[in-house]
Amino acid sequence: MIMATTSSSVSVPKKAAGTSRPYRDALAASTAKTLRRRRVVNRVMVSLTYVAAIIATIPLLLILAQLIKRGGASINWAFFTQTPRPPGEPGGGVANAIVGTGVLVLIASLIGLPIGIGAGLYLAEQRGSRLATVVRFLSDVLNGLPSIVLGIFAWHMLVRPFKHFSALAGGIALAAMMVPLVTRATEEMIRLVPVSLREAALALGYTKWRTSLSVVLRTALPGIVTGTLVAVARIAGETAPLLFTAFGNPYWSVSPMQPIAALPMQIYNYANTPYDEWVSQAWAGALVLIGLVLVISLAARWATRSRFGLGGD
């Protein structure tokens, strides 16, 4: 009885071992097929992402090529140092428009940055309050408004009552566009600051307002600078608000109470004329404006790398 039981118990594993080999072979074949399918799908999806990235850069490359082709010949020293010539005369430049753009951006920054940073700081520090919810919602709505609507509003509030256009009105219109961008960027950057820094400052005896300004805001400063530069790049190329406020000026003017030239308006006006010289300068002005936005974008990228330590060792 013991011998029979032993032989019977030994025969079962042999039978099982004989039937497990086909199963392992089938499992290996199925696994290999699945891996091949996954590799093919992975290569297809990676190729699609490469194609999407290339397609995304094509419009910018085409724009740059067209601007260089049509406006590159007009880029010279006189273009940056002279004022516009009368229609039909060769030469001239857009120096007054470049300076005017700087004046408008400066006015907009002096007005919009303190308001935007202060509002963003409040939204981040008082995120659960009802007022913060309302301000955040209205900021998002203002950020989505068409720029021409802000221009018409600024004309009605700042130009019509005083009976004349001015650089100040244009700067305020651009500041209204800048505020929601800076507000949301400031709020998001401050939210990234660790709570432990606030608690440490409060434990050392700092008041809440001093903690927000000296510790929290200082820690989030590189990210806020990035958002600020993005907002500046946004408003530097706006035309619609300035048509109703700054109006334009063919002469030198840096007075905030007088009409002032701006590069986007100069491009718009020149592009709608039948004079080949002005049309060529419009293309050159667009090339300069793209270069300005590119420089600001590179500065924003540098600030981002400084904030998050992407430079590495």
C-alpha atoms as a PDB file:
ATOM      1  CA  MET A   1       0.000   0.000   0.000  1.00  0.00           C
ATOM      2  CA  ILE A   2       2.838   2.379   0.751  1.00  0.00           C
ATOM      3  CA  MET A   3       4.607   1.517  -2.517  1.00  0.00           C
ATOM      4  CA  ALA A   4       1.433   2.087  -4.549  1.00  0.00           C
ATOM      5  CA  THR A   5       0.771   5.371  -2.895  1.00  0.00           C
ATOM      6  CA  THR A   6       4.321   6.567  -3.536  1.00  0.00           C
ATOM      7  CA  SER A   7       4.271   5.609  -7.188  1.00  0.00           C
ATOM      8  CA  SER A   8       0.913   7.237  -7.681  1.00  0.00           C
ATOM      9  CA  SER A   9       2.085  10.446  -5.990  1.00  0.00           C
ATOM     10  CA  VAL A  10       5.204  10.564  -8.182  1.00  0.00           C
ATOM     11  CA  SER A  11       3.302  10.054 -11.429  1.00  0.00           C
ATOM     12  CA  VAL A  12       1.123  13.198 -10.977  1.00  0.00           C
ATOM     13  CA  PRO A  13       3.982  15.761 -11.124  1.00  0.00           C
ATOM     14  CA  LYS A  14       5.373  14.029 -14.224  1.00  0.00           C
ATOM     15  CA  LYS A  15       2.055  14.401 -15.972  1.00  0.00           C
ATOM     16  CA  ALA A  16       1.769  18.007 -14.800  1.00  0.00           C
ATOM     17  CA  ALA A  17       5.311  18.714 -15.927  1.00  0.00           C
ATOM     18  CA  GLY A  18       4.490  17.318 -19.335  1.00  0.00           C
ATOM     19  CA  THR A  19       1.467  19.568 -19.763  1.00  0.00           C
ATOM     20  CA  SER A  20       3.129  22.775 -18.386  1.00  0.00           C
ATOM     21  CA  ARG A  21       5.679  23.134 -21.231  1.00  0.00           C
ATOM     22  CA  PRO A  22       3.086  23.938 -23.954  1.00  0.00           C
ATOM     23  CA  TYR A  23       1.470  26.385 -21.566  1.00  0.00           C
ATOM     24  CA  ARG A  24       4.775  28.165 -20.963  1.00  0.00           C
ATOM     25  CA  ASP A  25       5.475  28.268 -24.676  1.00  0.00           C
ATOM     26  CA  ALA A  26       2.048  29.723 -25.393  1.00  0.00           C
ATOM     27  CA  LEU A  27       2.485  32.274 -22.599  1.00  0.00           C
ATOM     28  CA  ALA A  28       5.911  33.308 -23.916  1.00  0.00           C
ATOM     29  CA  ALA A  29       4.531  33.680 -27.448  1.00  0.00           C
ATOM     30  CA  SER A  30       1.628  35.781 -26.188  1.00  0.00           C
ATOM     31  CA  THR A  31       3.965  37.968 -24.139  1.00  0.00           C
ATOM     32  CA  ALA A  32       6.292  38.480 -27.091  1.00  0.00           C
ATOM     33  CA  LYS A  33       3.352  39.426 -29.299  1.00  0.00           C
ATOM     34  CA  THR A  34       2.099  41.908 -26.715  1.00  0.00           C
ATOM     35  CA  LEU A  35       5.551  43.469 -26.359  1.00  0.00           C
ATOM     36  CA  ARG A  36       5.872  43.823 -30.136  1.00  0.00           C
ATOM     37  CA  ARG A  37       2.484  45.484 -30.312  1.00  0.00           C
ATOM     38  CA  ARG A  38       3.402  47.848 -27.494  1.00  0.00           C
ATOM     39  CA  ARG A  39       6.672  48.787 -29.190  1.00  0.00           C
ATOM     40  CA  VAL A  40       4.865  49.544 -32.431  1.00  0.00           C
ATOM     41  CA  VAL A  41       2.221  51.632 -30.677  1.00  0.00           C
ATOM     42  CA  ASN A  42       4.901  53.461 -28.687  1.00  0.00           C
ATOM     43  CA  ARG A  43       6.890  54.291 -31.821  1.00  0.00           C
ATOM     44  CA  VAL A  44       3.773  55.499 -33.618  1.00  0.00           C
ATOM     45  CA  MET A  45       2.729  57.746 -30.733  1.00  0.00           C
ATOM     46  CA  VAL A  46       6.242  59.164 -30.274  1.00  0.00           C
ATOM     47  CA  SER A  47       6.397  59.862 -34.019  1.00  0.00           C
ATOM     48  CA  LEU A  48       3.042  61.643 -33.813  1.00  0.00           C
ATOM     49  CA  THR A  49       4.314  63.866 -30.996  1.00  0.00           C
ATOM     50  CA  TYR A  50       7.382  64.753 -33.079  1.00  0.00           C
ATOM     51  CA  VAL A  51       5.144  65.590 -36.033  1.00  0.00           C
ATOM     52  CA  ALA A  52       2.870  67.711 -33.822  1.00  0.00           C
ATOM     53  CA  ALA A  53       5.889  69.604 -32.443  1.00  0.00           C
ATOM     54  CA  ILE A  54       7.179  70.290 -35.952  1.00  0.00           C
ATOM     55  CA  ILE A  55       3.751  71.435 -37.153  1.00  0.00           C
ATOM     56  CA  ALA A  56       3.484  73.773 -34.152  1.00  0.00           C
ATOM     57  CA  THR A  57       6.729  75.531 -35.125  1.00  0.00           C
ATOM     58  CA  ILE A  58       5.931  75.817 -38.838  1.00  0.00           C
ATOM     59  CA  PRO A  59       3.640  78.908 -38.531  1.00  0.00           C
ATOM     60  CA  LEU A  60       6.274  80.844 -36.567  1.00  0.00           C
ATOM     61  CA  LEU A  61       9.013  79.868 -39.016  1.00  0.00           C
ATOM     62  CA  LEU A  62       6.853  80.907 -41.970  1.00  0.00           C
ATOM     63  CA  ILE A  63       6.044  84.234 -40.307  1.00  0.00           C
ATOM     64  CA  LEU A  64       9.711  84.916 -39.564  1.00  0.00           C
ATOM     65  CA  ALA A  65      10.703  83.989 -43.124  1.00  0.00           C
ATOM     66  CA  GLN A  66       8.055  86.287 -44.582  1.00  0.00           C
ATOM     67  CA  LEU A  67       9.016  89.170 -42.290  1.00  0.00           C
ATOM     68  CA  ILE A  68      12.706  88.824 -43.104  1.00  0.00           C
ATOM     69  CA  LYS A  69      11.985  88.559 -46.824  1.00  0.00           C
ATOM     70  CA  ARG A  70       9.710  91.610 -47.005  1.00  0.00           C
ATOM     71  CA  GLY A  71      11.057  93.802 -44.231  1.00  0.00           C
ATOM     72  CA  GLY A  72      14.693  92.852 -43.844  1.00  0.00           C
ATOM     73  CA  ALA A  73      15.817  95.313 -46.536  1.00  0.00           C
ATOM     74  CA  SER A  74      14.314  98.242 -44.607  1.00  0.00           C
ATOM     75  CA  ILE A  75      16.204  97.451 -41.388  1.00  0.00           C
ATOM     76  CA  ASN A  76      19.027  99.983 -41.140  1.00  0.00           C
ATOM     77  CA  TRP A  77      20.342 102.641 -38.798  1.00  0.00           C
ATOM     78  CA  ALA A  78      17.930 105.286 -40.108  1.00  0.00           C
ATOM     79  CA  PHE A  79      14.995 102.982 -39.400  1.00  0.00           C
ATOM     80  CA  PHE A  80      15.813 103.080 -35.668  1.00  0.00           C
ATOM     81  CA  THR A  81      16.879 106.749 -35.421  1.00  0.00           C
ATOM     82  CA  GLN A  82      14.606 108.774 -37.726  1.00  0.00           C
ATOM     83  CA  THR A  83      10.956 109.762 -37.683  1.00  0.00           C
ATOM     84  CA  PRO A  84       8.553 108.963 -40.544  1.00  0.00           C
ATOM     85  CA  ARG A  85       8.958 110.802 -43.839  1.00  0.00           C
ATOM     86  CA  PRO A  86       6.028 112.266 -45.760  1.00  0.00           C
ATOM     87  CA  PRO A  87       4.091 109.803 -47.941  1.00  0.00           C
ATOM     88  CA  GLY A  88       5.937 108.803 -51.092  1.00  0.00           C
ATOM     89  CA  GLU A  89       9.391 109.956 -49.937  1.00  0.00           C
ATOM     90  CA  PRO A  90      12.038 107.264 -49.401  1.00  0.00           C
ATOM     91  CA  GLY A  91      13.821 106.797 -46.105  1.00  0.00           C
ATOM     92  CA  GLY A  92      12.633 107.646 -42.646  1.00  0.00           C
ATOM     93  CA  GLY A  93      12.112 105.351 -39.720  1.00  0.00           C
ATOM     94  CA  VAL A  94       9.994 104.518 -36.713  1.00  0.00           C
ATOM     95  CA  ALA A  95      12.161 105.819 -33.887  1.00  0.00           C
ATOM     96  CA  ASN A  96       9.277 107.781 -32.391  1.00  0.00           C
ATOM     97  CA  ALA A  97       7.076 104.665 -32.461  1.00  0.00           C
ATOM     98  CA  ILE A  98       9.712 102.550 -30.708  1.00  0.00           C
ATOM     99  CA  VAL A  99      10.159 105.176 -27.993  1.00  0.00           C
ATOM    100  CA  GLY A 100       6.386 105.604 -27.741  1.00  0.00           C
ATOM    101  CA  THR A 101       5.928 101.866 -27.228  1.00  0.00           C
ATOM    102  CA  GLY A 102       8.448 102.005 -24.395  1.00  0.00           C
ATOM    103  CA  VAL A 103       6.608 104.934 -22.799  1.00  0.00           C
ATOM    104  CA  LEU A 104       3.244 103.168 -23.019  1.00  0.00           C
ATOM    105  CA  VAL A 105       4.623  99.940 -21.569  1.00  0.00           C
ATOM    106  CA  LEU A 106       6.287 101.916 -18.769  1.00  0.00           C
ATOM    107  CA  ILE A 107       3.034 103.688 -17.869  1.00  0.00           C
ATOM    108  CA  ALA A 108       1.111 100.408 -18.004  1.00  0.00           C
ATOM    109  CA  SER A 109       3.699  98.688 -15.806  1.00  0.00           C
ATOM    110  CA  LEU A 110       3.726 101.468 -13.205  1.00  0.00           C
ATOM    111  CA  ILE A 111      -0.049 101.199 -12.913  1.00  0.00           C
ATOM    112  CA  GLY A 112      -0.693  97.504 -13.526  1.00  0.00           C
ATOM    113  CA  LEU A 113       2.139  95.767 -11.699  1.00  0.00           C
ATOM    114  CA  PRO A 114       1.450  97.026  -8.145  1.00  0.00           C
ATOM    115  CA  ILE A 115      -2.274  96.339  -8.548  1.00  0.00           C
ATOM    116  CA  GLY A 116      -1.745  92.897 -10.096  1.00  0.00           C
ATOM    117  CA  ILE A 117       0.882  91.760  -7.589  1.00  0.00           C
ATOM    118  CA  GLY A 118      -1.132  93.062  -4.650  1.00  0.00           C
ATOM    119  CA  ALA A 119      -4.311  91.381  -5.888  1.00  0.00           C
ATOM    120  CA  GLY A 120      -2.475  88.101  -6.496  1.00  0.00           C
ATOM    121  CA  LEU A 121      -0.977  88.221  -3.019  1.00  0.00           C
ATOM    122  CA  TYR A 122      -4.421  88.746  -1.513  1.00  0.00           C
ATOM    123  CA  LEU A 123      -5.954  85.895  -3.530  1.00  0.00           C
ATOM    124  CA  ALA A 124      -3.213  83.506  -2.438  1.00  0.00           C
ATOM    125  CA  GLU A 125      -3.244  84.480   1.237  1.00  0.00           C
ATOM    126  CA  GLN A 126      -7.048  84.737   1.557  1.00  0.00           C
ATOM    127  CA  ARG A 127      -7.999  82.073  -0.937  1.00  0.00           C
ATOM    128  CA  GLY A 128     -11.020  80.813   0.976  1.00  0.00           C
ATOM    129  CA  SER A 129     -12.786  84.137   1.478  1.00  0.00           C
ATOM    130  CA  ARG A 130     -15.841  85.179  -0.507  1.00  0.00           C
ATOM    131  CA  LEU A 131     -14.172  88.352  -1.742  1.00  0.00           C
ATOM    132  CA  ALA A 132     -11.208  86.361  -3.046  1.00  0.00           C
ATOM    133  CA  THR A 133     -13.559  84.075  -4.980  1.00  0.00           C
ATOM    134  CA  VAL A 134     -15.312  87.056  -6.553  1.00  0.00           C
ATOM    135  CA  VAL A 135     -12.043  88.806  -7.417  1.00  0.00           C
ATOM    136  CA  ARG A 136     -10.621  85.619  -8.950  1.00  0.00           C
ATOM    137  CA  PHE A 137     -13.715  85.127 -11.096  1.00  0.00           C
ATOM    138  CA  LEU A 138     -13.767  88.749 -12.279  1.00  0.00           C
ATOM    139  CA  SER A 139     -10.042  88.577 -13.024  1.00  0.00           C
ATOM    140  CA  ASP A 140     -10.592  85.559 -15.268  1.00  0.00           C
ATOM    141  CA  VAL A 141     -13.449  87.349 -17.040  1.00  0.00           C
ATOM    142  CA  LEU A 142     -11.332  90.469 -17.563  1.00  0.00           C
ATOM    143  CA  ASN A 143      -8.502  88.324 -18.895  1.00  0.00           C
ATOM    144  CA  GLY A 144     -10.820  86.934 -21.556  1.00  0.00           C
ATOM    145  CA  LEU A 145     -12.236  90.263 -22.744  1.00  0.00           C
ATOM    146  CA  PRO A 146     -11.277  91.347 -26.286  1.00  0.00           C
ATOM    147  CA  SER A 147      -8.727  94.146 -26.247  1.00  0.00           C
ATOM    148  CA  ILE A 148     -10.920  96.377 -28.395  1.00  0.00           C
ATOM    149  CA  VAL A 149     -13.588  96.345 -25.655  1.00  0.00           C
ATOM    150  CA  LEU A 150     -11.038  97.664 -23.164  1.00  0.00           C
ATOM    151  CA  GLY A 151     -10.016 100.293 -25.716  1.00  0.00           C
ATOM    152  CA  ILE A 152     -13.578 101.525 -26.152  1.00  0.00           C
ATOM    153  CA  PHE A 153     -14.066 101.609 -22.384  1.00  0.00           C
ATOM    154  CA  ALA A 154     -10.851 103.614 -21.919  1.00  0.00           C
ATOM    155  CA  TRP A 155     -11.947 106.021 -24.666  1.00  0.00           C
ATOM    156  CA  HIS A 156     -15.290 106.573 -22.974  1.00  0.00           C
ATOM    157  CA  MET A 157     -13.761 107.085 -19.514  1.00  0.00           C
ATOM    158  CA  LEU A 158     -10.442 108.812 -20.272  1.00  0.00           C
ATOM    159  CA  VAL A 159     -10.556 110.367 -23.742  1.00  0.00           C
ATOM    160  CA  ARG A 160     -14.084 111.613 -24.227  1.00  0.00           C
ATOM    161  CA  PRO A 161     -14.332 113.579 -20.939  1.00  0.00           C
ATOM    162  CA  PHE A 162     -10.989 115.372 -21.562  1.00  0.00           C
ATOM    163  CA  LYS A 163     -11.620 115.948 -25.294  1.00  0.00           C
ATOM    164  CA  HIS A 164      -8.200 114.661 -26.442  1.00  0.00           C
ATOM    165  CA  PHE A 165      -6.141 111.507 -26.832  1.00  0.00           C
ATOM    166  CA  SER A 166      -3.115 110.878 -24.625  1.00  0.00           C
ATOM    167  CA  ALA A 167      -0.386 108.412 -23.813  1.00  0.00           C
ATOM    168  CA  LEU A 168      -1.754 108.196 -20.279  1.00  0.00           C
ATOM    169  CA  ALA A 169      -5.093 106.904 -21.559  1.00  0.00           C
ATOM    170  CA  GLY A 170      -3.274 104.332 -23.685  1.00  0.00           C
ATOM    171  CA  GLY A 171      -1.133 103.238 -20.734  1.00  0.00           C
ATOM    172  CA  ILE A 172      -4.191 102.810 -18.525  1.00  0.00           C
ATOM    173  CA  ALA A 173      -5.911 100.723 -21.212  1.00  0.00           C
ATOM    174  CA  LEU A 174      -2.847  98.488 -21.464  1.00  0.00           C
ATOM    175  CA  ALA A 175      -2.620  98.308 -17.655  1.00  0.00           C
ATOM    176  CA  ALA A 176      -6.191  97.002 -17.555  1.00  0.00           C
ATOM    177  CA  MET A 177      -5.024  94.149 -19.794  1.00  0.00           C
ATOM    178  CA  MET A 178      -1.939  93.529 -17.683  1.00  0.00           C
ATOM    179  CA  VAL A 179      -3.631  93.370 -14.261  1.00  0.00           C
ATOM    180  CA  PRO A 180      -5.459  90.010 -14.628  1.00  0.00           C
ATOM    181  CA  LEU A 181      -2.392  88.332 -16.134  1.00  0.00           C
ATOM    182  CA  VAL A 182      -0.114  89.472 -13.316  1.00  0.00           C
ATOM    183  CA  THR A 183      -2.776  88.701 -10.701  1.00  0.00           C
ATOM    184  CA  ARG A 184      -3.193  85.079 -11.717  1.00  0.00           C
ATOM    185  CA  ALA A 185       0.555  84.541 -12.195  1.00  0.00           C
ATOM    186  CA  THR A 186       1.300  86.007  -8.760  1.00  0.00           C
ATOM    187  CA  GLU A 187      -1.364  83.887  -7.102  1.00  0.00           C
ATOM    188  CA  GLU A 188      -0.087  80.658  -8.650  1.00  0.00           C
ATOM    189  CA  MET A 189       3.536  81.402  -7.757  1.00  0.00           C
ATOM    190  CA  ILE A 190       2.703  82.278  -4.142  1.00  0.00           C
ATOM    191  CA  ARG A 191       0.715  79.053  -3.773  1.00  0.00           C
ATOM    192  CA  LEU A 192       3.933  77.150  -4.525  1.00  0.00           C
ATOM    193  CA  VAL A 193       5.665  78.646  -1.494  1.00  0.00           C
ATOM    194  CA  PRO A 194       5.822  76.013   1.302  1.00  0.00           C
ATOM    195  CA  VAL A 195       3.576  76.616   4.284  1.00  0.00           C
ATOM    196  CA  SER A 196       6.522  75.854   6.578  1.00  0.00           C
ATOM    197  CA  LEU A 197       8.160  79.155   5.578  1.00  0.00           C
ATOM    198  CA  ARG A 198       5.090  81.097   6.697  1.00  0.00           C
ATOM    199  CA  GLU A 199       4.920  79.146   9.946  1.00  0.00           C
ATOM    200  CA  ALA A 200       8.609  79.694  10.645  1.00  0.00           C
ATOM    201  CA  ALA A 201       8.311  83.442  10.112  1.00  0.00           C
ATOM    202  CA  LEU A 202       5.220  83.668  12.313  1.00  0.00           C
ATOM    203  CA  ALA A 203       6.971  81.610  14.991  1.00  0.00           C
ATOM    204  CA  LEU A 204       9.848  84.112  14.988  1.00  0.00           C
ATOM    205  CA  GLY A 205       7.421  86.922  15.764  1.00  0.00           C
ATOM    206  CA  TYR A 206       6.776  88.325  12.290  1.00  0.00           C
ATOM    207  CA  THR A 207       3.366  89.840  11.722  1.00  0.00           C
ATOM    208  CA  LYS A 208       1.210  88.362   8.988  1.00  0.00           C
ATOM    209  CA  TRP A 209       1.619  91.288   6.599  1.00  0.00           C
ATOM    210  CA  ARG A 210       5.390  91.310   7.111  1.00  0.00           C
ATOM    211  CA  THR A 211       5.530  87.565   6.506  1.00  0.00           C
ATOM    212  CA  SER A 212       3.616  87.962   3.248  1.00  0.00           C
ATOM    213  CA  LEU A 213       5.837  90.774   1.964  1.00  0.00           C
ATOM    214  CA  SER A 214       9.249  89.800   3.329  1.00  0.00           C
ATOM    215  CA  VAL A 215       9.132  86.002   3.141  1.00  0.00           C
ATOM    216  CA  VAL A 216       6.375  84.752   0.849  1.00  0.00           C
ATOM    217  CA  LEU A 217       6.603  87.418  -1.849  1.00  0.00           C
ATOM    218  CA  ARG A 218      10.394  87.331  -1.854  1.00  0.00           C
ATOM    219  CA  THR A 219      10.442  83.559  -2.279  1.00  0.00           C
ATOM    220  CA  ALA A 220       7.991  83.692  -5.193  1.00  0.00           C
ATOM    221  CA  LEU A 221       9.688  86.696  -6.831  1.00  0.00           C
ATOM    222  CA  PRO A 222      11.362  84.861  -9.762  1.00  0.00           C
ATOM    223  CA  GLY A 223       8.070  83.281 -10.795  1.00  0.00           C
ATOM    224  CA  ILE A 224       6.287  86.626 -10.464  1.00  0.00           C
ATOM    225  CA  VAL A 225       8.938  88.226 -12.666  1.00  0.00           C
ATOM    226  CA  THR A 226       8.243  85.552 -15.277  1.00  0.00           C
ATOM    227  CA  GLY A 227       4.517  86.298 -15.237  1.00  0.00           C
ATOM    228  CA  THR A 228       5.250  90.012 -15.429  1.00  0.00           C
ATOM    229  CA  LEU A 229       7.442  89.599 -18.492  1.00  0.00           C
ATOM    230  CA  VAL A 230       4.778  87.498 -20.193  1.00  0.00           C
ATOM    231  CA  ALA A 231       2.226  90.240 -19.487  1.00  0.00           C
ATOM    232  CA  VAL A 232       4.581  92.881 -20.903  1.00  0.00           C
ATOM    233  CA  ALA A 233       5.078  90.823 -24.047  1.00  0.00           C
ATOM    234  CA  ARG A 234       1.295  90.553 -24.371  1.00  0.00           C
ATOM    235  CA  ILE A 235       0.578  94.279 -24.158  1.00  0.00           C
ATOM    236  CA  ALA A 236       3.604  95.391 -26.206  1.00  0.00           C
ATOM    237  CA  GLY A 237       1.982  94.166 -29.414  1.00  0.00           C
ATOM    238  CA  GLU A 238      -1.579  95.381 -28.793  1.00  0.00           C
ATOM    239  CA  THR A 239      -3.075  97.771 -31.336  1.00  0.00           C
ATOM    240  CA  ALA A 240      -6.832  97.967 -30.739  1.00  0.00           C
ATOM    241  CA  PRO A 241      -6.768  99.749 -27.337  1.00  0.00           C
ATOM    242  CA  LEU A 242      -4.284 102.336 -28.622  1.00  0.00           C
ATOM    243  CA  LEU A 243      -6.430 103.268 -31.615  1.00  0.00           C
ATOM    244  CA  PHE A 244      -9.014 104.675 -29.184  1.00  0.00           C
ATOM    245  CA  THR A 245      -6.634 106.167 -26.623  1.00  0.00           C
ATOM    246  CA  ALA A 246      -3.075 107.038 -27.725  1.00  0.00           C
ATOM    247  CA  PHE A 247      -4.201 107.616 -31.346  1.00  0.00           C
ATOM    248  CA  GLY A 248      -0.657 107.939 -32.742  1.00  0.00           C
ATOM    249  CA  ASN A 249       1.698 110.796 -33.538  1.00  0.00           C
ATOM    250  CA  PRO A 250       4.040 111.214 -36.543  1.00  0.00           C
ATOM    251  CA  TYR A 251       6.403 113.402 -34.472  1.00  0.00           C
ATOM    252  CA  TRP A 252       8.527 112.995 -31.387  1.00  0.00           C
ATOM    253  CA  SER A 253       6.456 113.006 -28.222  1.00  0.00           C
ATOM    254  CA  VAL A 254       7.045 111.515 -24.785  1.00  0.00           C
ATOM    255  CA  SER A 255       4.477 113.583 -22.915  1.00  0.00           C
ATOM    256  CA  PRO A 256       1.897 111.394 -21.150  1.00  0.00           C
ATOM    257  CA  MET A 257      -0.778 114.034 -21.778  1.00  0.00           C
ATOM    258  CA  GLN A 258      -0.361 114.143 -25.561  1.00  0.00           C
ATOM    259  CA  PRO A 259      -1.020 111.613 -28.351  1.00  0.00           C
ATOM    260  CA  ILE A 260       1.934 109.311 -28.832  1.00  0.00           C
ATOM    261  CA  ALA A 261       3.168 106.946 -31.501  1.00  0.00           C
ATOM    262  CA  ALA A 262       3.426 103.193 -30.939  1.00  0.00           C
ATOM    263  CA  LEU A 263       4.991 100.492 -33.040  1.00  0.00           C
ATOM    264  CA  PRO A 264       1.837  98.338 -33.416  1.00  0.00           C
ATOM    265  CA  MET A 265      -0.172 101.378 -34.574  1.00  0.00           C
ATOM    266  CA  GLN A 266       2.584 102.410 -36.968  1.00  0.00           C
ATOM    267  CA  ILE A 267       2.547  98.930 -38.490  1.00  0.00           C
ATOM    268  CA  TYR A 268      -1.236  99.044 -38.848  1.00  0.00           C
ATOM    269  CA  ASN A 269      -1.240 102.486 -40.457  1.00  0.00           C
ATOM    270  CA  TYR A 270       1.648 101.773 -42.825  1.00  0.00           C
ATOM    271  CA  ALA A 271       0.225  98.436 -43.943  1.00  0.00           C
ATOM    272  CA  ASN A 272      -3.007 100.117 -45.097  1.00  0.00           C
ATOM    273  CA  THR A 273      -1.315 102.671 -47.362  1.00  0.00           C
ATOM    274  CA  PRO A 274      -0.619 102.370 -51.122  1.00  0.00           C
ATOM    275  CA  TYR A 275       3.013 103.497 -50.710  1.00  0.00           C
ATOM    276  CA  ASP A 276       5.554 100.727 -51.189  1.00  0.00           C
ATOM    277  CA  GLU A 277       8.098 102.401 -48.898  1.00  0.00           C
ATOM    278  CA  TRP A 278       5.654 102.510 -46.000  1.00  0.00           C
ATOM    279  CA  VAL A 279       4.458  98.965 -46.624  1.00  0.00           C
ATOM    280  CA  SER A 280       8.065  97.767 -46.524  1.00  0.00           C
ATOM    281  CA  GLN A 281       8.600  99.648 -43.263  1.00  0.00           C
ATOM    282  CA  ALA A 282       5.454  98.027 -41.872  1.00  0.00           C
ATOM    283  CA  TRP A 283       7.014  94.622 -42.508  1.00  0.00           C
ATOM    284  CA  ALA A 284      10.252  95.817 -40.910  1.00  0.00           C
ATOM    285  CA  GLY A 285       8.344  97.146 -37.899  1.00  0.00           C
ATOM    286  CA  ALA A 286       6.606  93.802 -37.499  1.00  0.00           C
ATOM    287  CA  LEU A 287      10.012  92.111 -37.579  1.00  0.00           C
ATOM    288  CA  VAL A 288      11.277  94.443 -34.844  1.00  0.00           C
ATOM    289  CA  LEU A 289       8.152  93.801 -32.770  1.00  0.00           C
ATOM    290  CA  ILE A 290       8.626  90.041 -33.087  1.00  0.00           C
ATOM    291  CA  GLY A 291      12.227  90.487 -32.011  1.00  0.00           C
ATOM    292  CA  LEU A 292      11.109  92.481 -28.969  1.00  0.00           C
ATOM    293  CA  VAL A 293       8.632  89.776 -27.962  1.00  0.00           C
ATOM    294  CA  LEU A 294      11.337  87.146 -28.493  1.00  0.00           C
ATOM    295  CA  VAL A 295      13.746  88.977 -26.196  1.00  0.00           C
ATOM    296  CA  ILE A 296      11.074  89.310 -23.501  1.00  0.00           C
ATOM    297  CA  SER A 297      10.188  85.620 -23.857  1.00  0.00           C
ATOM    298  CA  LEU A 298      13.841  84.614 -23.481  1.00  0.00           C
ATOM    299  CA  ALA A 299      14.053  86.773 -20.366  1.00  0.00           C
ATOM    300  CA  ALA A 300      10.971  85.011 -19.004  1.00  0.00           C
ATOM    301  CA  ARG A 301      12.537  81.614 -19.716  1.00  0.00           C
ATOM    302  CA  TRP A 302      15.701  82.687 -17.922  1.00  0.00           C
ATOM    303  CA  ALA A 303      13.661  83.800 -14.908  1.00  0.00           C
ATOM    304  CA  THR A 304      11.837  80.453 -14.942  1.00  0.00           C
ATOM    305  CA  ARG A 305      15.107  78.511 -14.990  1.00  0.00           C
ATOM    306  CA  SER A 306      16.333  80.637 -12.087  1.00  0.00           C
ATOM    307  CA  ARG A 307      13.118  79.967 -10.128  1.00  0.00           C
ATOM    308  CA  PHE A 308      12.975  76.199 -10.557  1.00  0.00           C
ATOM    309  CA  GLY A 309      16.702  75.498 -10.841  1.00  0.00           C
ATOM    310  CA  LEU A 310      16.520  74.058 -14.345  1.00  0.00           C
ATOM    311  CA  GLY A 311      20.000  75.143 -15.185  1.00  0.00           C
ATOM    312  CA  GLY A 312      21.562  72.318 -13.219  1.00  0.00           C
ATOM    313  CA  ASP A 313      25.214  71.836 -12.393  1.00  0.00           C
END
